[in-house]
Amino acid sequence: MIEERGRVLSTEPGAVWVATIRSSTCGSCQAKAGCGQALLQKLGSGSSQGFVRALTDREWQVGDEVMIGVPEDALVKSAIWVYLVPLVCLFAAALLAQALSWSEPQMILSSAVGLAFGFVLVRWHDRMVRSDPQLQPQVIAAALGYSMVSESAR
């Protein structure tokens, strides 16, 4: 489980909005000069807070400190869909164009169409799994100082 500490900003039935502090490891990483994450951090709004909607079965008060988590397999599956599916579609379209002996401009256009189709597949998949609670952040514990109290213990 990938965990992050945050503070409850607002509540709604079955979920809470949590403000988290973004922690970047760019300062200690050896590849920070060529890293996309470092570039995105520089281009970002400059805010060090993120706002996350997390599912919960418990009632929380505004200001409570909580630990939210996302299962690792959900993150891996999402990364595969976002990164790998469009690339596979791009290469499949390029290889199909090559097998059909199309000219280079047609192969480039075919690859672009394949990439666009991959993005459409990702969008479709997102709409299909958007409401799956296994893929959404969940409140896993209350954060009390440095100790943790899990939801099931309360």
Protein backbone atom coordinates (compact mmCIF):
# COMPACT_ATOMS: atom_id res chain seq x y z
CA MET A 1 0.00 0.00 0.00
CA ILE A 2 1.35 3.41 -0.95
CA GLU A 3 0.56 5.72 1.96
CA GLU A 4 0.48 9.47 2.43
CA ARG A 5 -0.33 11.58 5.46
CA GLY A 6 -2.85 14.40 5.17
CA ARG A 7 -5.40 16.60 6.91
CA VAL A 8 -9.17 16.38 6.31
CA LEU A 9 -10.46 19.51 4.55
CA SER A 10 -14.10 18.53 4.06
CA THR A 11 -16.36 15.55 4.38
CA GLU A 12 -19.09 14.00 2.27
CA PRO A 13 -21.03 10.75 2.62
CA GLY A 14 -18.55 7.88 2.22
CA ALA A 15 -15.54 10.08 1.45
CA VAL A 16 -13.36 12.93 2.65
CA TRP A 17 -11.21 15.53 0.89
CA VAL A 18 -7.68 15.45 2.23
CA ALA A 19 -4.86 17.97 1.79
CA THR A 20 -1.52 16.21 1.47
CA ILE A 21 1.96 17.63 1.46
CA ARG A 22 3.76 16.71 -1.75
CA SER A 23 7.10 15.22 -0.93
CA SER A 24 9.58 15.27 -3.75
CA THR A 25 12.79 13.29 -3.62
CA CYS A 26 14.34 15.36 -6.39
CA GLY A 27 16.93 16.86 -4.05
CA SER A 28 18.50 13.49 -3.26
CA CYS A 29 18.10 11.78 -6.63
CA GLN A 30 21.14 11.47 -8.91
CA ALA A 31 19.07 11.84 -12.10
CA LYS A 32 17.33 15.09 -11.19
CA ALA A 33 18.75 16.98 -14.18
CA GLY A 34 17.15 14.63 -16.72
CA CYS A 35 14.03 13.64 -14.83
CA GLY A 36 10.52 14.44 -16.00
CA GLN A 37 9.23 14.56 -12.42
CA ALA A 38 11.66 17.34 -11.54
CA LEU A 39 10.60 19.28 -14.62
CA LEU A 40 6.91 18.87 -13.77
CA GLN A 41 7.60 20.00 -10.21
CA LYS A 42 9.26 23.17 -11.56
CA LEU A 43 6.43 23.82 -14.02
CA GLY A 44 3.74 23.17 -11.43
CA SER A 45 1.79 25.78 -9.57
CA GLY A 46 4.46 25.98 -6.90
CA SER A 47 2.00 24.72 -4.34
CA SER A 48 3.30 21.96 -2.15
CA GLN A 49 -0.20 20.73 -1.30
CA GLY A 50 -2.31 18.22 -3.17
CA PHE A 51 -6.01 17.64 -2.70
CA VAL A 52 -7.26 14.05 -2.75
CA ARG A 53 -10.73 12.55 -2.42
CA ALA A 54 -10.40 9.41 -0.29
CA LEU A 55 -13.09 6.82 0.46
CA THR A 56 -13.87 5.97 4.07
CA ASP A 57 -16.41 4.07 6.16
CA ARG A 58 -15.85 6.23 9.21
CA GLU A 59 -16.96 9.74 10.10
CA TRP A 60 -14.09 12.24 10.20
CA GLN A 61 -13.97 15.82 11.37
CA VAL A 62 -12.42 18.69 9.45
CA GLY A 63 -8.84 19.05 10.64
CA ASP A 64 -8.30 15.38 11.54
CA GLU A 65 -4.94 13.98 10.44
CA VAL A 66 -5.33 10.77 8.49
CA MET A 67 -3.27 8.32 6.45
CA ILE A 68 -4.59 7.62 2.98
CA GLY A 69 -3.43 4.78 0.79
CA VAL A 70 -3.64 3.30 -2.68
CA PRO A 71 -2.82 -0.37 -3.36
CA GLU A 72 0.42 -0.88 -5.31
CA ASP A 73 -1.26 -3.11 -7.87
CA ALA A 74 -3.76 -0.35 -8.66
CA LEU A 75 -0.88 2.01 -9.37
CA VAL A 76 0.88 -0.55 -11.58
CA LYS A 77 -2.29 -1.34 -13.53
CA SER A 78 -2.98 2.36 -14.03
CA ALA A 79 0.57 2.99 -15.23
CA ILE A 80 0.29 0.15 -17.72
CA TRP A 81 -2.92 1.58 -19.10
CA VAL A 82 -1.64 5.14 -19.29
CA TYR A 83 1.82 4.44 -20.71
CA LEU A 84 1.89 1.03 -22.35
CA VAL A 85 -1.48 0.83 -24.12
CA PRO A 86 -0.96 3.97 -26.27
CA LEU A 87 2.58 2.84 -27.17
CA VAL A 88 1.41 -0.64 -28.13
CA CYS A 89 -1.30 0.87 -30.33
CA LEU A 90 1.23 3.23 -31.94
CA PHE A 91 3.66 0.40 -32.76
CA ALA A 92 0.88 -1.94 -33.91
CA ALA A 93 -0.38 0.70 -36.34
CA ALA A 94 3.17 1.38 -37.59
CA LEU A 95 3.88 -2.32 -38.10
CA LEU A 96 0.57 -2.78 -39.91
CA ALA A 97 1.38 0.13 -42.21
CA GLN A 98 4.82 -1.35 -42.85
CA ALA A 99 3.33 -4.79 -43.59
CA LEU A 100 1.01 -3.14 -46.11
CA SER A 101 4.04 -1.43 -47.73
CA TRP A 102 2.66 2.05 -47.22
CA SER A 103 4.84 5.07 -47.89
CA GLU A 104 6.63 6.84 -45.04
CA PRO A 105 4.08 9.69 -44.69
CA GLN A 106 1.29 7.11 -44.56
CA MET A 107 3.20 5.15 -41.90
CA ILE A 108 3.63 8.30 -39.82
CA LEU A 109 -0.06 9.12 -40.15
CA SER A 110 -0.97 5.53 -39.32
CA SER A 111 1.22 5.67 -36.20
CA ALA A 112 -0.45 8.91 -35.09
CA VAL A 113 -3.87 7.34 -35.60
CA GLY A 114 -2.75 4.30 -33.59
CA LEU A 115 -1.54 6.54 -30.78
CA ALA A 116 -4.82 8.46 -30.80
CA PHE A 117 -6.71 5.16 -30.70
CA GLY A 118 -4.59 4.16 -27.69
CA PHE A 119 -5.58 7.37 -25.91
CA VAL A 120 -9.23 6.66 -26.70
CA LEU A 121 -8.83 3.17 -25.20
CA VAL A 122 -7.30 4.68 -22.06
CA ARG A 123 -10.20 7.14 -21.79
CA TRP A 124 -12.74 4.34 -22.26
CA HIS A 125 -11.02 2.21 -19.61
CA ASP A 126 -10.99 5.18 -17.22
CA ARG A 127 -14.72 5.62 -17.58
CA MET A 128 -15.29 1.90 -17.00
CA VAL A 129 -13.27 1.69 -13.77
CA ARG A 130 -13.76 5.21 -12.40
CA SER A 131 -16.14 4.10 -9.67
CA ASP A 132 -14.15 1.00 -8.66
CA PRO A 133 -13.28 1.47 -4.97
CA GLN A 134 -10.20 -0.78 -5.33
CA LEU A 135 -8.59 1.86 -7.57
CA GLN A 136 -9.37 4.92 -5.44
CA PRO A 137 -7.49 6.31 -2.45
CA GLN A 138 -8.89 5.20 0.88
CA VAL A 139 -8.47 6.42 4.43
CA ILE A 140 -6.57 3.63 6.14
CA ALA A 141 -5.84 5.11 9.55
CA ALA A 142 -5.92 8.12 11.81
CA ALA A 143 -2.52 9.74 12.21
CA LEU A 144 -1.91 10.62 15.83
CA GLY A 145 1.53 12.15 16.22
CA TYR A 146 3.90 9.45 15.05
CA SER A 147 1.66 6.53 16.00
CA MET A 148 -1.11 5.17 13.85
CA VAL A 149 -4.55 3.95 14.81
CA SER A 150 -6.21 1.91 12.07
CA GLU A 151 -9.86 2.36 11.17
CA SER A 152 -10.68 -1.21 12.20
CA ALA A 153 -9.30 -0.62 15.70
CA ARG A 154 -11.73 2.25 16.35
